[in-house]
């Protein structure tokens, strides 16, 4: 089979999964949130095209879907990188220099909070607390916690994921 056939098969499978998600939840009271969760799991984020498909399939106004997706912080409207960096901005981390750590990461990756690098390798977010106050300042890369960071440590940490 040529590469076009493989791509078409992947698209067909993705469409089937999407249809399965919406059909399972569309008639359920409060079904929009489970739909959004599962669609985000399918794509890694919530693309605009998914909003349109959900709206048509489930007969939910686009404004309602967008309102729910932007209200809850666990939904993302932008693609995430292979490595998701979360910088803790809780009180202990902030007092110990998390703002400067965040600025250094933004500078080194040339992205802003909420964005993804062009190569899709890193995405950056700021969060309220990672629950590791004794290690402040702290960042998390995927599930790996890096604590007691100094500005000089940022390049070293990022290089671990190159």
Protein backbone atom coordinates (compact mmCIF):
# COMPACT_ATOMS: atom_id res chain seq x y z
CA UNK A 1 0.00 0.00 0.00
CA UNK A 2 1.38 3.45 -0.81
CA UNK A 3 1.76 6.26 1.71
CA UNK A 4 -1.50 7.90 0.60
CA UNK A 5 -3.39 4.73 1.49
CA UNK A 6 -1.78 4.70 4.95
CA UNK A 7 -2.64 8.36 5.53
CA UNK A 8 -6.21 7.76 4.39
CA UNK A 9 -6.51 4.79 6.76
CA UNK A 10 -5.28 6.94 9.66
CA UNK A 11 -7.79 9.67 8.82
CA UNK A 12 -10.60 7.12 8.54
CA UNK A 13 -9.65 5.64 11.92
CA UNK A 14 -9.48 9.10 13.50
CA UNK A 15 -12.90 9.99 12.06
CA UNK A 16 -14.36 6.74 13.37
CA UNK A 17 -12.98 7.43 16.84
CA UNK A 18 -14.38 10.96 16.74
CA UNK A 19 -17.81 9.70 15.70
CA UNK A 20 -17.70 7.09 18.47
CA UNK A 21 -16.95 9.77 21.05
CA UNK A 22 -19.79 12.03 19.99
CA UNK A 23 -22.32 9.23 19.56
CA UNK A 24 -21.57 7.86 23.07
CA UNK A 25 -22.19 11.19 24.79
CA UNK A 26 -24.38 13.36 22.57
CA UNK A 27 -27.66 12.37 24.19
CA UNK A 28 -26.33 12.47 27.75
CA UNK A 29 -27.11 15.37 30.04
CA UNK A 30 -23.76 17.07 30.61
CA UNK A 31 -22.20 15.09 27.77
CA UNK A 32 -20.23 18.03 26.38
CA UNK A 33 -17.42 17.85 28.93
CA UNK A 34 -16.74 14.13 28.37
CA UNK A 35 -16.81 14.77 24.61
CA UNK A 36 -14.27 17.58 24.96
CA UNK A 37 -12.04 15.44 27.20
CA UNK A 38 -12.02 12.53 24.78
CA UNK A 39 -11.58 14.71 21.69
CA UNK A 40 -8.64 16.44 23.40
CA UNK A 41 -7.18 13.01 24.14
CA UNK A 42 -7.61 12.08 20.47
CA UNK A 43 -5.87 15.18 19.06
CA UNK A 44 -3.74 16.32 21.99
CA UNK A 45 -5.70 19.60 22.08
CA UNK A 46 -9.06 20.97 20.88
CA UNK A 47 -8.74 22.15 17.26
CA UNK A 48 -11.29 24.59 15.82
CA UNK A 49 -12.45 21.93 13.38
CA UNK A 50 -13.48 19.73 16.33
CA UNK A 51 -15.75 22.49 17.66
CA UNK A 52 -17.56 22.66 14.34
CA UNK A 53 -17.97 18.88 14.12
CA UNK A 54 -19.20 18.63 17.73
CA UNK A 55 -21.66 21.46 17.10
CA UNK A 56 -23.09 19.80 14.00
CA UNK A 57 -23.16 16.28 15.40
CA UNK A 58 -24.56 17.14 18.82
CA UNK A 59 -26.63 20.19 17.89
CA UNK A 60 -24.84 22.38 20.44
CA UNK A 61 -24.15 26.03 19.60
CA UNK A 62 -20.49 26.81 18.87
CA UNK A 63 -20.58 29.57 21.48
CA UNK A 64 -21.55 27.07 24.19
CA UNK A 65 -18.79 24.64 23.21
CA UNK A 66 -16.19 27.39 23.10
CA UNK A 67 -17.44 28.80 26.42
CA UNK A 68 -17.02 25.46 28.17
CA UNK A 69 -13.63 24.77 26.55
CA UNK A 70 -12.23 28.16 27.57
CA UNK A 71 -13.73 28.15 31.07
CA UNK A 72 -11.94 25.02 32.27
CA UNK A 73 -8.15 25.20 32.50
CA UNK A 74 -7.67 21.52 31.64
CA UNK A 75 -8.76 22.10 28.05
CA UNK A 76 -6.21 23.38 25.55
CA UNK A 77 -7.00 25.16 22.30
CA UNK A 78 -3.37 24.98 21.18
CA UNK A 79 -1.23 21.95 20.38
CA UNK A 80 1.08 20.76 23.14
CA UNK A 81 4.71 19.89 22.64
CA UNK A 82 6.26 16.48 23.13
CA UNK A 83 7.63 17.92 26.37
CA UNK A 84 5.16 20.02 28.36
CA UNK A 85 6.94 22.41 30.69
CA UNK A 86 4.95 23.76 33.65
CA UNK A 87 6.56 26.47 35.74
CA UNK A 88 5.17 26.69 39.26
CA UNK A 89 4.17 30.25 40.11
CA UNK A 90 2.83 29.46 43.59
CA UNK A 91 3.91 31.68 46.46
CA UNK A 92 7.00 29.71 47.56
CA UNK A 93 8.26 29.29 43.99
CA UNK A 94 7.50 32.87 43.03
CA UNK A 95 9.33 34.27 46.06
CA UNK A 96 12.34 32.07 45.20
CA UNK A 97 12.57 33.34 41.61
CA UNK A 98 10.11 31.37 39.48
CA UNK A 99 9.32 34.50 37.44
CA UNK A 100 12.96 34.76 36.36
CA UNK A 101 13.05 31.01 35.62
CA UNK A 102 9.95 31.39 33.45
CA UNK A 103 11.51 34.35 31.62
CA UNK A 104 14.69 32.35 30.95
CA UNK A 105 12.74 29.40 29.55
CA UNK A 106 10.70 31.76 27.34
CA UNK A 107 13.94 33.32 26.10
CA UNK A 108 15.73 30.02 25.44
CA UNK A 109 12.79 28.40 23.66
CA UNK A 110 11.63 31.63 21.97
CA UNK A 111 8.00 30.99 22.93
CA UNK A 112 5.50 32.56 25.27
CA UNK A 113 3.34 30.94 27.93
CA UNK A 114 0.66 28.87 26.22
CA UNK A 115 2.71 28.36 23.06
CA UNK A 116 4.56 25.48 21.48
CA UNK A 117 7.95 25.57 19.76
CA UNK A 118 7.84 25.41 15.96
CA UNK A 119 9.34 21.92 15.97
CA UNK A 120 6.61 20.68 18.35
CA UNK A 121 9.16 19.65 20.95
CA UNK A 122 8.27 21.97 23.86
CA UNK A 123 5.18 23.76 25.13
CA UNK A 124 5.17 26.13 28.08
CA UNK A 125 2.63 26.87 30.79
CA UNK A 126 2.60 28.55 34.18
CA UNK A 127 0.64 26.92 36.97
CA UNK A 128 -0.38 27.90 40.49
CA UNK A 129 1.22 25.14 42.57
CA UNK A 130 2.90 21.81 41.91
CA UNK A 131 2.89 20.81 45.58
CA UNK A 132 6.66 20.76 45.90
CA UNK A 133 7.11 23.96 47.89
CA UNK A 134 10.15 22.61 49.74
CA UNK A 135 11.96 22.35 46.38
CA UNK A 136 11.11 25.88 45.22
CA UNK A 137 11.46 27.09 42.55
CA UNK A 138 10.10 24.10 40.65
CA UNK A 139 9.29 23.20 37.06
CA UNK A 140 7.75 20.02 35.74
CA UNK A 141 8.60 18.58 32.33
CA UNK A 142 5.87 16.07 31.55
CA UNK A 143 5.87 14.14 34.84
CA UNK A 144 9.51 14.84 35.83
CA UNK A 145 9.91 17.46 38.60
CA UNK A 146 13.01 19.67 38.65
CA UNK A 147 13.49 21.64 41.87
CA UNK A 148 15.74 24.12 43.59
CA UNK A 149 16.42 25.67 40.20
CA UNK A 150 18.72 28.58 39.54
CA UNK A 151 18.84 30.53 36.28
CA UNK A 152 22.04 28.69 35.37
CA UNK A 153 20.18 25.35 35.59
CA UNK A 154 17.59 26.13 32.91
CA UNK A 155 19.76 25.29 29.88
CA UNK A 156 20.93 22.06 31.48
CA UNK A 157 17.37 20.95 32.21
CA UNK A 158 16.17 21.77 28.69
CA UNK A 159 19.15 19.98 27.16
CA UNK A 160 18.06 16.76 28.91
CA UNK A 161 15.10 16.70 26.53
CA UNK A 162 16.90 17.46 23.28
